[in-house]
Structure formats: structure tokens, C-alpha cells
Amino acid sequence: MTLTPSELSSIRATAQSLLPDSCSVVRTTMQADGMGGESAQSVTSTVYPCRVAPLGQTPAERAVADRLSGVAACVVTLPAGADVRAGDSILHGTLTYSVVAVLRRSEATVTRVVCQEAQ
């Protein structure tokens, strides 16, 4: 069964309304320094509504969790289409998380990312 664009939009709006917290995505890129080297530059995106939950509730999450044993890990749920990728950081309150993986689904009603607490 395929969802109509209207149905998908409604589901996304409902899902987003259920995200109780907020966070920011930080992306670090390397920029030429003009002297043959590079320097890291971090850029913070817009603030997204989010939910932070324990890792390991779905098969895809468990597959990633198995690789992270012994590390404090979680799943951060963001609105569908959020600009986030592996290697980014997520700032949530006083905590910083490193994005390990972005979980993809056929109907993108939300964006779910596996994170670990940054050291």
C-alpha cells in the first residue's frame, strides 16, 4: 500500500508534534588554510525538534548497537528530511552526541540517527 502525498505529510506533521525536545546538528568540515594545509570549521544548523531514546529497539538499531558495545549509545529522532549524516555531532541540552549512522526507511516519516556520547 502506498501513501498519498497528503497522507505522508499528515503523518510527518503528527510525528514531528510528538518530538518533545530540541537539538542542533553540528557539521565539521575541513577548509583550506591558504598555506597548503587545512583547518576544521564547525557549522551549527538550525534547531530541530527531537527525541532521545535508548538504542536497540529495532533490528537496524541492534545491528549498530552490536558494533558499539560498551559505549553509551542512543537513537535521536528528528523530523523527516533533517540534514544530518554520519560524522556530525548533535547538541542536546548539555550533552554532545556523535552521529554513528542514519537509519533509512522506505517512507521517511522521521529521521532516526544512532549516536554515541562524545568524549
Protein backbone atom coordinates (compact mmCIF):
# COMPACT_ATOMS: atom_id res chain seq x y z
CA MET A 1 0.00 0.00 0.00
CA THR A 2 1.40 3.37 -0.99
CA LEU A 3 0.68 6.52 0.96
CA THR A 4 -0.60 9.56 -0.87
CA PRO A 5 1.47 12.76 -0.51
CA SER A 6 -1.29 14.18 1.71
CA GLU A 7 -1.26 11.14 4.00
CA LEU A 8 2.54 11.18 4.25
CA SER A 9 2.51 14.91 5.04
CA SER A 10 -0.09 14.35 7.77
CA ILE A 11 1.92 11.50 9.32
CA ARG A 12 5.10 13.61 9.27
CA ALA A 13 3.32 16.53 10.94
CA THR A 14 1.93 14.24 13.65
CA ALA A 15 5.33 12.60 14.21
CA GLN A 16 7.03 15.98 14.49
CA SER A 17 4.45 17.17 17.03
CA LEU A 18 5.47 14.22 19.24
CA LEU A 19 9.14 15.25 19.45
CA PRO A 20 9.36 16.88 22.92
CA ASP A 21 12.93 18.23 22.97
CA SER A 22 15.18 20.29 20.71
CA CYS A 23 18.72 19.86 19.43
CA SER A 24 21.18 21.26 16.91
CA VAL A 25 23.23 19.41 14.31
CA VAL A 26 26.87 20.47 14.04
CA ARG A 27 28.87 19.59 10.93
CA THR A 28 32.66 19.92 10.87
CA THR A 29 34.37 20.32 7.50
CA MET A 30 37.98 20.85 6.53
CA GLN A 31 38.78 24.19 4.89
CA ALA A 32 41.97 25.13 3.07
CA ASP A 33 44.02 27.49 5.21
CA GLY A 34 45.78 29.19 2.27
CA MET A 35 49.18 27.81 3.28
CA GLY A 36 48.84 24.26 1.93
CA GLY A 37 47.09 22.87 4.98
CA GLU A 38 43.58 22.57 6.30
CA SER A 39 41.72 23.64 9.40
CA ALA A 40 38.50 22.29 10.86
CA GLN A 41 35.45 24.54 10.70
CA SER A 42 32.26 23.63 12.59
CA VAL A 43 28.90 24.97 11.47
CA THR A 44 25.73 24.61 13.56
CA SER A 45 22.49 24.05 11.65
CA THR A 46 19.04 25.13 12.63
CA VAL A 47 17.42 23.81 15.78
CA TYR A 48 15.32 20.67 15.26
CA PRO A 49 12.65 19.15 17.48
CA CYS A 50 13.90 15.76 18.67
CA ARG A 51 13.50 12.77 20.95
CA VAL A 52 16.42 10.88 22.53
CA ALA A 53 15.79 7.21 23.37
CA PRO A 54 17.77 4.08 24.25
CA LEU A 55 19.35 2.19 21.37
CA GLY A 56 18.36 -1.32 20.34
CA GLN A 57 14.61 -1.37 19.79
CA THR A 58 14.62 -2.33 16.08
CA PRO A 59 16.75 -4.82 14.10
CA ALA A 60 18.63 -2.00 12.34
CA GLU A 61 19.38 -0.35 15.69
CA ARG A 62 20.53 -3.65 17.22
CA ALA A 63 22.91 -4.23 14.29
CA VAL A 64 24.61 -0.90 15.00
CA ALA A 65 24.45 -1.43 18.78
CA ASP A 66 26.39 -4.67 18.41
CA ARG A 67 29.30 -2.68 16.94
CA LEU A 68 29.18 -0.15 19.80
CA SER A 69 29.21 -2.49 22.79
CA GLY A 70 30.48 -0.79 25.91
CA VAL A 71 29.71 2.69 24.58
CA ALA A 72 26.76 4.80 25.78
CA ALA A 73 24.57 4.92 22.68
CA CYS A 74 21.10 6.19 21.83
CA VAL A 75 18.73 6.94 18.96
CA VAL A 76 17.87 10.55 18.22
CA THR A 77 14.63 11.02 16.27
CA LEU A 78 14.42 14.17 14.14
CA PRO A 79 11.84 15.45 11.66
CA ALA A 80 11.76 13.82 8.22
CA GLY A 81 14.33 15.37 5.92
CA ALA A 82 16.59 16.70 8.68
CA ASP A 83 20.06 17.43 7.31
CA VAL A 84 22.18 15.02 9.35
CA ARG A 85 24.84 12.48 8.39
CA ALA A 86 27.34 10.12 9.98
CA GLY A 87 30.21 12.12 11.45
CA ASP A 88 28.03 15.06 12.51
CA SER A 89 27.51 16.00 16.16
CA ILE A 90 24.18 16.61 17.87
CA LEU A 91 23.93 19.08 20.74
CA HIS A 92 21.08 18.18 23.10
CA GLY A 93 20.96 20.21 26.28
CA THR A 94 24.37 19.90 27.90
CA LEU A 95 25.23 16.67 26.04
CA THR A 96 27.04 16.23 22.75
CA TYR A 97 26.45 13.08 20.69
CA SER A 98 28.46 11.81 17.72
CA VAL A 99 26.31 10.53 14.86
CA VAL A 100 27.31 6.95 14.02
CA ALA A 101 24.63 6.09 11.44
CA VAL A 102 21.49 7.45 9.85
CA LEU A 103 18.75 4.80 9.67
CA ARG A 104 16.83 4.86 6.37
CA ARG A 105 13.27 3.64 5.89
CA SER A 106 11.09 3.41 2.80
CA GLU A 107 8.56 6.02 3.95
CA ALA A 108 10.58 8.73 5.68
CA THR A 109 8.13 9.83 8.36
CA VAL A 110 11.02 10.81 10.68
CA THR A 111 14.82 10.75 10.54
CA ARG A 112 16.37 8.37 13.09
CA VAL A 113 20.07 8.51 13.86
CA VAL A 114 22.22 6.27 16.02
CA CYS A 115 24.53 8.29 18.27
CA GLN A 116 27.09 7.78 20.98
CA GLU A 117 28.04 10.24 23.67
CA ALA A 118 31.01 12.28 22.53
CA GLN A 119 34.13 12.03 24.63
